[in-house]
Amino acid sequence: MPLSDIQSALRTVGVPIHHYLAAKVADKYIVWAEDGEADSEWADNKKQLQVLTGTIDYFTKMEYDPNISKIQEALNDAEISWKLNSVQYEELTKYIHYEWALEVV
């Protein structure tokens, strides 16, 4: 699966999406990034299958935001492995910050 499939899946949520960095955004937005490699498969001294890891961060000021379910549904529909890693309230910005860890082949 190309990394661009992650962004395509997230587009279905209907909020601004950024890769690595979001600058001067208001209200709700998603930032995603690949960040490393998970367990991959090797055979005959060659990598046969590479599994990449990454994160998706969603920032919202709305409690019980329905986009949380939309993000998870979009990942499921695109057959992207994910885990909700953390939910935090950021006092300085007043955002609720959701973070998902993901893996793609």
PDB file of N, CA and C in Angstrom:
ATOM      1  N   MET A   1       0.842  -1.179   0.000  1.00  0.00           N
ATOM      2  CA  MET A   1       0.000   0.000   0.000  1.00  0.00           C
ATOM      3  C   MET A   1       0.888   1.242   0.000  1.00  0.00           C
ATOM      4  N   PRO A   2       0.710   2.099  -0.946  1.00  0.00           N
ATOM      5  CA  PRO A   2       1.492   3.345  -0.945  1.00  0.00           C
ATOM      6  C   PRO A   2       1.087   4.244   0.222  1.00  0.00           C
ATOM      7  N   LEU A   3       2.040   5.020   0.697  1.00  0.00           N
ATOM      8  CA  LEU A   3       1.749   5.949   1.788  1.00  0.00           C
ATOM      9  C   LEU A   3       0.644   6.933   1.416  1.00  0.00           C
ATOM     10  N   SER A   4       0.530   7.258   0.140  1.00  0.00           N
ATOM     11  CA  SER A   4      -0.510   8.198  -0.285  1.00  0.00           C
ATOM     12  C   SER A   4      -1.919   7.660  -0.006  1.00  0.00           C
ATOM     13  N   ASP A   5      -2.047   6.340   0.168  1.00  0.00           N
ATOM     14  CA  ASP A   5      -3.353   5.772   0.499  1.00  0.00           C
ATOM     15  C   ASP A   5      -3.828   6.222   1.874  1.00  0.00           C
ATOM     16  N   ILE A   6      -2.892   6.518   2.765  1.00  0.00           N
ATOM     17  CA  ILE A   6      -3.274   7.023   4.087  1.00  0.00           C
ATOM     18  C   ILE A   6      -3.974   8.363   3.925  1.00  0.00           C
ATOM     19  N   GLN A   7      -3.366   9.247   3.174  1.00  0.00           N
ATOM     20  CA  GLN A   7      -3.969  10.570   2.970  1.00  0.00           C
ATOM     21  C   GLN A   7      -5.297  10.452   2.243  1.00  0.00           C
ATOM     22  N   SER A   8      -5.380   9.570   1.268  1.00  0.00           N
ATOM     23  CA  SER A   8      -6.645   9.377   0.542  1.00  0.00           C
ATOM     24  C   SER A   8      -7.750   8.914   1.489  1.00  0.00           C
ATOM     25  N   ALA A   9      -7.426   7.999   2.374  1.00  0.00           N
ATOM     26  CA  ALA A   9      -8.419   7.508   3.341  1.00  0.00           C
ATOM     27  C   ALA A   9      -8.864   8.635   4.267  1.00  0.00           C
ATOM     28  N   LEU A  10      -7.919   9.422   4.742  1.00  0.00           N
ATOM     29  CA  LEU A  10      -8.245  10.502   5.674  1.00  0.00           C
ATOM     30  C   LEU A  10      -9.050  11.627   5.024  1.00  0.00           C
ATOM     31  N   ARG A  11      -8.918  11.789   3.714  1.00  0.00           N
ATOM     32  CA  ARG A  11      -9.690  12.831   3.009  1.00  0.00           C
ATOM     33  C   ARG A  11     -11.194  12.629   3.163  1.00  0.00           C
ATOM     34  N   THR A  12     -11.603  11.381   3.366  1.00  0.00           N
ATOM     35  CA  THR A  12     -13.035  11.089   3.479  1.00  0.00           C
ATOM     36  C   THR A  12     -13.642  11.654   4.765  1.00  0.00           C
ATOM     37  N   VAL A  13     -12.802  12.032   5.719  1.00  0.00           N
ATOM     38  CA  VAL A  13     -13.292  12.569   6.996  1.00  0.00           C
ATOM     39  C   VAL A  13     -13.852  13.977   6.825  1.00  0.00           C
ATOM     40  N   GLY A  14     -13.269  14.757   5.922  1.00  0.00           N
ATOM     41  CA  GLY A  14     -13.794  16.083   5.627  1.00  0.00           C
ATOM     42  C   GLY A  14     -13.207  17.218   6.442  1.00  0.00           C
ATOM     43  N   VAL A  15     -11.993  17.029   6.970  1.00  0.00           N
ATOM     44  CA  VAL A  15     -11.289  18.114   7.671  1.00  0.00           C
ATOM     45  C   VAL A  15      -9.928  18.295   7.000  1.00  0.00           C
ATOM     46  N   PRO A  16      -9.272  19.442   7.197  1.00  0.00           N
ATOM     47  CA  PRO A  16      -7.949  19.645   6.591  1.00  0.00           C
ATOM     48  C   PRO A  16      -6.945  18.577   7.037  1.00  0.00           C
ATOM     49  N   ILE A  17      -6.130  18.125   6.074  1.00  0.00           N
ATOM     50  CA  ILE A  17      -5.126  17.088   6.326  1.00  0.00           C
ATOM     51  C   ILE A  17      -3.755  17.641   5.960  1.00  0.00           C
ATOM     52  N   HIS A  18      -2.788  17.381   6.825  1.00  0.00           N
ATOM     53  CA  HIS A  18      -1.424  17.849   6.597  1.00  0.00           C
ATOM     54  C   HIS A  18      -0.444  16.695   6.808  1.00  0.00           C
ATOM     55  N   HIS A  19       0.626  16.695   6.048  1.00  0.00           N
ATOM     56  CA  HIS A  19       1.673  15.688   6.178  1.00  0.00           C
ATOM     57  C   HIS A  19       2.830  16.318   6.938  1.00  0.00           C
ATOM     58  N   TYR A  20       3.156  15.800   8.080  1.00  0.00           N
ATOM     59  CA  TYR A  20       4.227  16.244   8.977  1.00  0.00           C
ATOM     60  C   TYR A  20       3.909  17.481   9.794  1.00  0.00           C
ATOM     61  N   LEU A  21       3.394  18.540   9.209  1.00  0.00           N
ATOM     62  CA  LEU A  21       3.268  19.807   9.919  1.00  0.00           C
ATOM     63  C   LEU A  21       2.026  20.556   9.469  1.00  0.00           C
ATOM     64  N   ALA A  22       1.335  21.148  10.425  1.00  0.00           N
ATOM     65  CA  ALA A  22       0.194  22.011  10.105  1.00  0.00           C
ATOM     66  C   ALA A  22       0.509  23.407  10.611  1.00  0.00           C
ATOM     67  N   ALA A  23       0.387  24.379   9.758  1.00  0.00           N
ATOM     68  CA  ALA A  23       0.688  25.754  10.144  1.00  0.00           C
ATOM     69  C   ALA A  23      -0.552  26.619   9.988  1.00  0.00           C
ATOM     70  N   LYS A  24      -0.823  27.412  10.989  1.00  0.00           N
ATOM     71  CA  LYS A  24      -1.918  28.379  10.975  1.00  0.00           C
ATOM     72  C   LYS A  24      -3.258  27.761  10.575  1.00  0.00           C
ATOM     73  N   VAL A  25      -3.655  26.734  11.301  1.00  0.00           N
ATOM     74  CA  VAL A  25      -4.961  26.132  11.064  1.00  0.00           C
ATOM     75  C   VAL A  25      -5.853  26.416  12.260  1.00  0.00           C
ATOM     76  N   ALA A  26      -7.115  26.473  11.993  1.00  0.00           N
ATOM     77  CA  ALA A  26      -8.077  26.725  13.062  1.00  0.00           C
ATOM     78  C   ALA A  26      -9.023  25.543  13.181  1.00  0.00           C
ATOM     79  N   ASP A  27      -9.659  25.443  14.306  1.00  0.00           N
ATOM     80  CA  ASP A  27     -10.685  24.447  14.567  1.00  0.00           C
ATOM     81  C   ASP A  27     -10.132  23.028  14.507  1.00  0.00           C
ATOM     82  N   LYS A  28     -10.569  22.206  13.548  1.00  0.00           N
ATOM     83  CA  LYS A  28     -10.233  20.776  13.503  1.00  0.00           C
ATOM     84  C   LYS A  28      -9.272  20.496  12.361  1.00  0.00           C
ATOM     85  N   TYR A  29      -8.302  19.603  12.622  1.00  0.00           N
ATOM     86  CA  TYR A  29      -7.383  19.228  11.545  1.00  0.00           C
ATOM     87  C   TYR A  29      -6.644  17.943  11.893  1.00  0.00           C
ATOM     88  N   ILE A  30      -6.105  17.318  10.844  1.00  0.00           N
ATOM     89  CA  ILE A  30      -5.349  16.064  10.960  1.00  0.00           C
ATOM     90  C   ILE A  30      -3.919  16.323  10.486  1.00  0.00           C
ATOM     91  N   VAL A  31      -2.969  15.746  11.215  1.00  0.00           N
ATOM     92  CA  VAL A  31      -1.570  15.718  10.785  1.00  0.00           C
ATOM     93  C   VAL A  31      -1.138  14.254  10.820  1.00  0.00           C
ATOM     94  N   TRP A  32      -0.549  13.782   9.736  1.00  0.00           N
ATOM     95  CA  TRP A  32      -0.068  12.402   9.731  1.00  0.00           C
ATOM     96  C   TRP A  32       1.370  12.364   9.230  1.00  0.00           C
ATOM     97  N   ALA A  33       2.091  11.307   9.620  1.00  0.00           N
ATOM     98  CA  ALA A  33       3.476  11.159   9.190  1.00  0.00           C
ATOM     99  C   ALA A  33       3.924   9.720   9.355  1.00  0.00           C
ATOM    100  N   GLU A  34       4.739   9.274   8.436  1.00  0.00           N
ATOM    101  CA  GLU A  34       5.415   7.990   8.609  1.00  0.00           C
ATOM    102  C   GLU A  34       6.620   8.247   9.505  1.00  0.00           C
ATOM    103  N   ASP A  35       6.979   7.259  10.341  1.00  0.00           N
ATOM    104  CA  ASP A  35       8.068   7.526  11.277  1.00  0.00           C
ATOM    105  C   ASP A  35       9.061   6.386  11.475  1.00  0.00           C
ATOM    106  N   GLY A  36       8.878   5.284  10.788  1.00  0.00           N
ATOM    107  CA  GLY A  36       9.846   4.202  10.957  1.00  0.00           C
ATOM    108  C   GLY A  36       9.385   2.910  10.304  1.00  0.00           C
ATOM    109  N   GLU A  37       9.993   1.838  10.755  1.00  0.00           N
ATOM    110  CA  GLU A  37       9.717   0.519  10.187  1.00  0.00           C
ATOM    111  C   GLU A  37       9.370  -0.451  11.296  1.00  0.00           C
ATOM    112  N   ALA A  38       8.347  -1.254  11.072  1.00  0.00           N
ATOM    113  CA  ALA A  38       7.953  -2.307  12.005  1.00  0.00           C
ATOM    114  C   ALA A  38       8.635  -3.604  11.564  1.00  0.00           C
ATOM    115  N   ASP A  39       8.185  -4.708  12.107  1.00  0.00           N
ATOM    116  CA  ASP A  39       8.743  -5.999  11.708  1.00  0.00           C
ATOM    117  C   ASP A  39       8.473  -6.234  10.234  1.00  0.00           C
ATOM    118  N   SER A  40       9.531  -6.416   9.479  1.00  0.00           N
ATOM    119  CA  SER A  40       9.417  -6.676   8.052  1.00  0.00           C
ATOM    120  C   SER A  40       9.890  -8.098   7.783  1.00  0.00           C
ATOM    121  N   GLU A  41       9.696  -8.570   6.577  1.00  0.00           N
ATOM    122  CA  GLU A  41      10.063  -9.952   6.244  1.00  0.00           C
ATOM    123  C   GLU A  41      11.313  -9.985   5.384  1.00  0.00           C
ATOM    124  N   TRP A  42      12.203 -10.891   5.752  1.00  0.00           N
ATOM    125  CA  TRP A  42      13.461 -11.105   5.026  1.00  0.00           C
ATOM    126  C   TRP A  42      13.528 -12.553   4.550  1.00  0.00           C
ATOM    127  N   ALA A  43      14.104 -12.756   3.377  1.00  0.00           N
ATOM    128  CA  ALA A  43      14.365 -14.097   2.850  1.00  0.00           C
ATOM    129  C   ALA A  43      15.514 -13.988   1.856  1.00  0.00           C
ATOM    130  N   ASP A  44      16.385 -14.972   1.844  1.00  0.00           N
ATOM    131  CA  ASP A  44      17.531 -14.993   0.929  1.00  0.00           C
ATOM    132  C   ASP A  44      18.349 -13.703   1.021  1.00  0.00           C
ATOM    133  N   ASN A  45      18.527 -13.222   2.252  1.00  0.00           N
ATOM    134  CA  ASN A  45      19.312 -12.012   2.513  1.00  0.00           C
ATOM    135  C   ASN A  45      18.766 -10.761   1.818  1.00  0.00           C
ATOM    136  N   LYS A  46      17.466 -10.746   1.582  1.00  0.00           N
ATOM    137  CA  LYS A  46      16.816  -9.583   0.975  1.00  0.00           C
ATOM    138  C   LYS A  46      15.525  -9.288   1.725  1.00  0.00           C
ATOM    139  N   LYS A  47      15.212  -8.016   1.800  1.00  0.00           N
ATOM    140  CA  LYS A  47      13.925  -7.637   2.390  1.00  0.00           C
ATOM    141  C   LYS A  47      12.839  -7.959   1.378  1.00  0.00           C
ATOM    142  N   GLN A  48      11.901  -8.787   1.790  1.00  0.00           N
ATOM    143  CA  GLN A  48      10.819  -9.199   0.906  1.00  0.00           C
ATOM    144  C   GLN A  48       9.555  -8.366   1.115  1.00  0.00           C
ATOM    145  N   LEU A  49       9.381  -7.889   2.343  1.00  0.00           N
ATOM    146  CA  LEU A  49       8.181  -7.132   2.663  1.00  0.00           C
ATOM    147  C   LEU A  49       8.544  -6.092   3.720  1.00  0.00           C
ATOM    148  N   GLN A  50       8.301  -4.826   3.421  1.00  0.00           N
ATOM    149  CA  GLN A  50       8.589  -3.757   4.364  1.00  0.00           C
ATOM    150  C   GLN A  50       7.288  -3.233   4.966  1.00  0.00           C
ATOM    151  N   VAL A  51       7.260  -3.140   6.281  1.00  0.00           N
ATOM    152  CA  VAL A  51       6.108  -2.606   6.992  1.00  0.00           C
ATOM    153  C   VAL A  51       6.521  -1.274   7.609  1.00  0.00           C
ATOM    154  N   LEU A  52       5.836  -0.206   7.208  1.00  0.00           N
ATOM    155  CA  LEU A  52       6.142   1.131   7.723  1.00  0.00           C
ATOM    156  C   LEU A  52       5.192   1.495   8.860  1.00  0.00           C
ATOM    157  N   THR A  53       5.703   2.251   9.819  1.00  0.00           N
ATOM    158  CA  THR A  53       4.882   2.743  10.920  1.00  0.00           C
ATOM    159  C   THR A  53       4.674   4.241  10.772  1.00  0.00           C
ATOM    160  N   GLY A  54       3.654   4.728  11.430  1.00  0.00           N
ATOM    161  CA  GLY A  54       3.388   6.159  11.390  1.00  0.00           C
ATOM    162  C   GLY A  54       2.376   6.548  12.445  1.00  0.00           C
ATOM    163  N   THR A  55       2.046   7.819  12.449  1.00  0.00           N
ATOM    164  CA  THR A  55       1.042   8.323  13.379  1.00  0.00           C
ATOM    165  C   THR A  55       0.067   9.239  12.656  1.00  0.00           C
ATOM    166  N   ILE A  56      -1.118   9.264  13.189  1.00  0.00           N
ATOM    167  CA  ILE A  56      -2.151  10.202  12.751  1.00  0.00           C
ATOM    168  C   ILE A  56      -2.558  10.965  13.998  1.00  0.00           C
ATOM    169  N   ASP A  57      -2.500  12.278  13.918  1.00  0.00           N
ATOM    170  CA  ASP A  57      -2.892  13.132  15.037  1.00  0.00           C
ATOM    171  C   ASP A  57      -4.092  13.963  14.605  1.00  0.00           C
ATOM    172  N   TYR A  58      -5.121  13.945  15.424  1.00  0.00           N
ATOM    173  CA  TYR A  58      -6.321  14.739  15.152  1.00  0.00           C
ATOM    174  C   TYR A  58      -6.506  15.735  16.286  1.00  0.00           C
ATOM    175  N   PHE A  59      -6.695  16.978  15.927  1.00  0.00           N
ATOM    176  CA  PHE A  59      -6.854  18.061  16.889  1.00  0.00           C
ATOM    177  C   PHE A  59      -8.250  18.646  16.748  1.00  0.00           C
ATOM    178  N   THR A  60      -8.960  18.733  17.858  1.00  0.00           N
ATOM    179  CA  THR A  60     -10.320  19.257  17.854  1.00  0.00           C
ATOM    180  C   THR A  60     -10.585  19.975  19.173  1.00  0.00           C
ATOM    181  N   LYS A  61     -11.491  20.910  19.140  1.00  0.00           N
ATOM    182  CA  LYS A  61     -11.917  21.574  20.368  1.00  0.00           C
ATOM    183  C   LYS A  61     -13.321  21.115  20.773  1.00  0.00           C
ATOM    184  N   MET A  62     -13.861  20.138  20.009  1.00  0.00           N
ATOM    185  CA  MET A  62     -15.214  19.645  20.265  1.00  0.00           C
ATOM    186  C   MET A  62     -15.166  18.351  21.078  1.00  0.00           C
ATOM    187  N   GLU A  63     -15.835  18.373  22.203  1.00  0.00           N
ATOM    188  CA  GLU A  63     -15.962  17.164  22.999  1.00  0.00           C
ATOM    189  C   GLU A  63     -16.892  16.194  22.270  1.00  0.00           C
ATOM    190  N   TYR A  64     -16.578  14.908  22.295  1.00  0.00           N
ATOM    191  CA  TYR A  64     -17.358  13.866  21.615  1.00  0.00           C
ATOM    192  C   TYR A  64     -17.462  14.125  20.112  1.00  0.00           C
ATOM    193  N   ASP A  65     -16.392  14.556  19.520  1.00  0.00           N
ATOM    194  CA  ASP A  65     -16.343  14.885  18.090  1.00  0.00           C
ATOM    195  C   ASP A  65     -16.643  13.636  17.252  1.00  0.00           C
ATOM    196  N   PRO A  66     -17.634  13.687  16.362  1.00  0.00           N
ATOM    197  CA  PRO A  66     -17.971  12.527  15.532  1.00  0.00           C
ATOM    198  C   PRO A  66     -16.867  12.161  14.535  1.00  0.00           C
ATOM    199  N   ASN A  67     -15.915  13.060  14.300  1.00  0.00           N
ATOM    200  CA  ASN A  67     -14.830  12.739  13.376  1.00  0.00           C
ATOM    201  C   ASN A  67     -13.898  11.646  13.904  1.00  0.00           C
ATOM    202  N   ILE A  68     -13.916  11.408  15.200  1.00  0.00           N
ATOM    203  CA  ILE A  68     -13.097  10.327  15.763  1.00  0.00           C
ATOM    204  C   ILE A  68     -13.529   9.006  15.129  1.00  0.00           C
ATOM    205  N   SER A  69     -14.824   8.752  15.129  1.00  0.00           N
ATOM    206  CA  SER A  69     -15.349   7.523  14.503  1.00  0.00           C
ATOM    207  C   SER A  69     -15.098   7.516  13.006  1.00  0.00           C
ATOM    208  N   LYS A  70     -15.225   8.673  12.370  1.00  0.00           N
ATOM    209  CA  LYS A  70     -14.995   8.752  10.924  1.00  0.00           C
ATOM    210  C   LYS A  70     -13.541   8.405  10.570  1.00  0.00           C
ATOM    211  N   ILE A  71     -12.598   8.864  11.375  1.00  0.00           N
ATOM    212  CA  ILE A  71     -11.184   8.547  11.128  1.00  0.00           C
ATOM    213  C   ILE A  71     -10.967   7.049  11.242  1.00  0.00           C
ATOM    214  N   GLN A  72     -11.497   6.447  12.296  1.00  0.00           N
ATOM    215  CA  GLN A  72     -11.299   5.009  12.502  1.00  0.00           C
ATOM    216  C   GLN A  72     -11.993   4.192  11.416  1.00  0.00           C
ATOM    217  N   GLU A  73     -13.160   4.619  11.000  1.00  0.00           N
ATOM    218  CA  GLU A  73     -13.864   3.936   9.910  1.00  0.00           C
ATOM    219  C   GLU A  73     -13.086   4.067   8.605  1.00  0.00           C
ATOM    220  N   ALA A  74     -12.531   5.245   8.338  1.00  0.00           N
ATOM    221  CA  ALA A  74     -11.749   5.452   7.116  1.00  0.00           C
ATOM    222  C   ALA A  74     -10.525   4.538   7.094  1.00  0.00           C
ATOM    223  N   LEU A  75      -9.870   4.382   8.232  1.00  0.00           N
ATOM    224  CA  LEU A  75      -8.710   3.487   8.307  1.00  0.00           C
ATOM    225  C   LEU A  75      -9.131   2.042   8.108  1.00  0.00           C
ATOM    226  N   ASN A  76     -10.227   1.642   8.722  1.00  0.00           N
ATOM    227  CA  ASN A  76     -10.729   0.277   8.530  1.00  0.00           C
ATOM    228  C   ASN A  76     -11.099   0.033   7.070  1.00  0.00           C
ATOM    229  N   ASP A  77     -11.810   0.971   6.466  1.00  0.00           N
ATOM    230  CA  ASP A  77     -12.233   0.816   5.071  1.00  0.00           C
ATOM    231  C   ASP A  77     -11.035   0.698   4.128  1.00  0.00           C
ATOM    232  N   ALA A  78      -9.937   1.393   4.455  1.00  0.00           N
ATOM    233  CA  ALA A  78      -8.730   1.338   3.627  1.00  0.00           C
ATOM    234  C   ALA A  78      -7.821   0.170   4.019  1.00  0.00           C
ATOM    235  N   GLU A  79      -8.268  -0.628   4.986  1.00  0.00           N
ATOM    236  CA  GLU A  79      -7.500  -1.785   5.474  1.00  0.00           C
ATOM    237  C   GLU A  79      -6.119  -1.391   5.978  1.00  0.00           C
ATOM    238  N   ILE A  80      -6.090  -0.299   6.733  1.00  0.00           N
ATOM    239  CA  ILE A  80      -4.869   0.190   7.367  1.00  0.00           C
ATOM    240  C   ILE A  80      -4.906  -0.253   8.831  1.00  0.00           C
ATOM    241  N   SER A  81      -3.860  -0.926   9.288  1.00  0.00           N
ATOM    242  CA  SER A  81      -3.776  -1.343  10.688  1.00  0.00           C
ATOM    243  C   SER A  81      -3.562  -0.132  11.567  1.00  0.00           C
ATOM    244  N   TRP A  82      -4.326  -0.035  12.652  1.00  0.00           N
ATOM    245  CA  TRP A  82      -4.204   1.122  13.529  1.00  0.00           C
ATOM    246  C   TRP A  82      -4.506   0.754  14.961  1.00  0.00           C
ATOM    247  N   LYS A  83      -4.081   1.635  15.856  1.00  0.00           N
ATOM    248  CA  LYS A  83      -4.371   1.525  17.286  1.00  0.00           C
ATOM    249  C   LYS A  83      -4.485   2.937  17.841  1.00  0.00           C
ATOM    250  N   LEU A  84      -5.525   3.211  18.608  1.00  0.00           N
ATOM    251  CA  LEU A  84      -5.632   4.506  19.274  1.00  0.00           C
ATOM    252  C   LEU A  84      -4.576   4.515  20.372  1.00  0.00           C
ATOM    253  N   ASN A  85      -3.596   5.374  20.217  1.00  0.00           N
ATOM    254  CA  ASN A  85      -2.429   5.380  21.091  1.00  0.00           C
ATOM    255  C   ASN A  85      -2.615   6.269  22.313  1.00  0.00           C
ATOM    256  N   SER A  86      -3.247   7.450  22.119  1.00  0.00           N
ATOM    257  CA  SER A  86      -3.447   8.337  23.262  1.00  0.00           C
ATOM    258  C   SER A  86      -4.494   9.395  22.951  1.00  0.00           C
ATOM    259  N   VAL A  87      -5.063   9.941  24.016  1.00  0.00           N
ATOM    260  CA  VAL A  87      -5.969  11.084  23.938  1.00  0.00           C
ATOM    261  C   VAL A  87      -5.516  12.035  25.039  1.00  0.00           C
ATOM    262  N   GLN A  88      -5.278  13.283  24.661  1.00  0.00           N
ATOM    263  CA  GLN A  88      -4.757  14.254  25.618  1.00  0.00           C
ATOM    264  C   GLN A  88      -5.481  15.580  25.446  1.00  0.00           C
ATOM    265  N   TYR A  89      -5.597  16.306  26.543  1.00  0.00           N
ATOM    266  CA  TYR A  89      -6.097  17.670  26.467  1.00  0.00           C
ATOM    267  C   TYR A  89      -4.891  18.595  26.579  1.00  0.00           C
ATOM    268  N   GLU A  90      -4.753  19.479  25.608  1.00  0.00           N
ATOM    269  CA  GLU A  90      -3.612  20.390  25.593  1.00  0.00           C
ATOM    270  C   GLU A  90      -4.053  21.728  26.166  1.00  0.00           C
ATOM    271  N   GLU A  91      -3.651  21.980  27.377  1.00  0.00           N
ATOM    272  CA  GLU A  91      -4.066  23.171  28.121  1.00  0.00           C
ATOM    273  C   GLU A  91      -3.722  24.465  27.390  1.00  0.00           C
ATOM    274  N   LEU A  92      -2.539  24.542  26.829  1.00  0.00           N
ATOM    275  CA  LEU A  92      -2.091  25.773  26.182  1.00  0.00           C
ATOM    276  C   LEU A  92      -2.954  26.157  24.975  1.00  0.00           C
ATOM    277  N   THR A  93      -3.255  25.170  24.124  1.00  0.00           N
ATOM    278  CA  THR A  93      -4.016  25.442  22.899  1.00  0.00           C
ATOM    279  C   THR A  93      -5.512  25.189  23.039  1.00  0.00           C
ATOM    280  N   LYS A  94      -5.897  24.489  24.096  1.00  0.00           N
ATOM    281  CA  LYS A  94      -7.303  24.097  24.353  1.00  0.00           C
ATOM    282  C   LYS A  94      -7.805  23.053  23.362  1.00  0.00           C
ATOM    283  N   TYR A  95      -6.890  22.333  22.724  1.00  0.00           N
ATOM    284  CA  TYR A  95      -7.257  21.255  21.809  1.00  0.00           C
ATOM    285  C   TYR A  95      -7.316  19.927  22.545  1.00  0.00           C
ATOM    286  N   ILE A  96      -8.230  19.071  22.104  1.00  0.00           N
ATOM    287  CA  ILE A  96      -8.199  17.663  22.465  1.00  0.00           C
ATOM    288  C   ILE A  96      -7.405  16.995  21.344  1.00  0.00           C
ATOM    289  N   HIS A  97      -6.379  16.254  21.705  1.00  0.00           N
ATOM    290  CA  HIS A  97      -5.434  15.685  20.744  1.00  0.00           C
ATOM    291  C   HIS A  97      -5.533  14.157  20.793  1.00  0.00           C
ATOM    292  N   TYR A  98      -5.991  13.581  19.682  1.00  0.00           N
ATOM    293  CA  TYR A  98      -6.074  12.126  19.531  1.00  0.00           C
ATOM    294  C   TYR A  98      -4.891  11.669  18.689  1.00  0.00           C
ATOM    295  N   GLU A  99      -4.277  10.556  19.076  1.00  0.00           N
ATOM    296  CA  GLU A  99      -3.151  10.025  18.301  1.00  0.00           C
ATOM    297  C   GLU A  99      -3.373   8.530  18.041  1.00  0.00           C
ATOM    298  N   TRP A 100      -3.263   8.162  16.760  1.00  0.00           N
ATOM    299  CA  TRP A 100      -3.342   6.774  16.348  1.00  0.00           C
ATOM    300  C   TRP A 100      -1.981   6.335  15.824  1.00  0.00           C
ATOM    301  N   ALA A 101      -1.567   5.141  16.199  1.00  0.00           N
ATOM    302  CA  ALA A 101      -0.377   4.518  15.599  1.00  0.00           C
ATOM    303  C   ALA A 101      -0.882   3.649  14.453  1.00  0.00           C
ATOM    304  N   LEU A 102      -0.120   3.616  13.351  1.00  0.00           N
ATOM    305  CA  LEU A 102      -0.551   2.816  12.206  1.00  0.00           C
ATOM    306  C   LEU A 102       0.614   2.037  11.623  1.00  0.00           C
ATOM    307  N   GLU A 103       0.270   1.012  10.864  1.00  0.00           N
ATOM    308  CA  GLU A 103       1.243   0.233  10.109  1.00  0.00           C
ATOM    309  C   GLU A 103       0.695  -0.026   8.719  1.00  0.00           C
ATOM    310  N   VAL A 104       1.539   0.152   7.720  1.00  0.00           N
ATOM    311  CA  VAL A 104       1.139  -0.138   6.339  1.00  0.00           C
ATOM    312  C   VAL A 104       2.233  -0.942   5.659  1.00  0.00           C
ATOM    313  N   VAL A 105       1.817  -1.776   4.739  1.00  0.00           N
ATOM    314  CA  VAL A 105       2.746  -2.601   3.954  1.00  0.00           C
ATOM    315  C   VAL A 105       3.024  -1.891   2.650  1.00  0.00           C
TER     316      VAL A 105
END
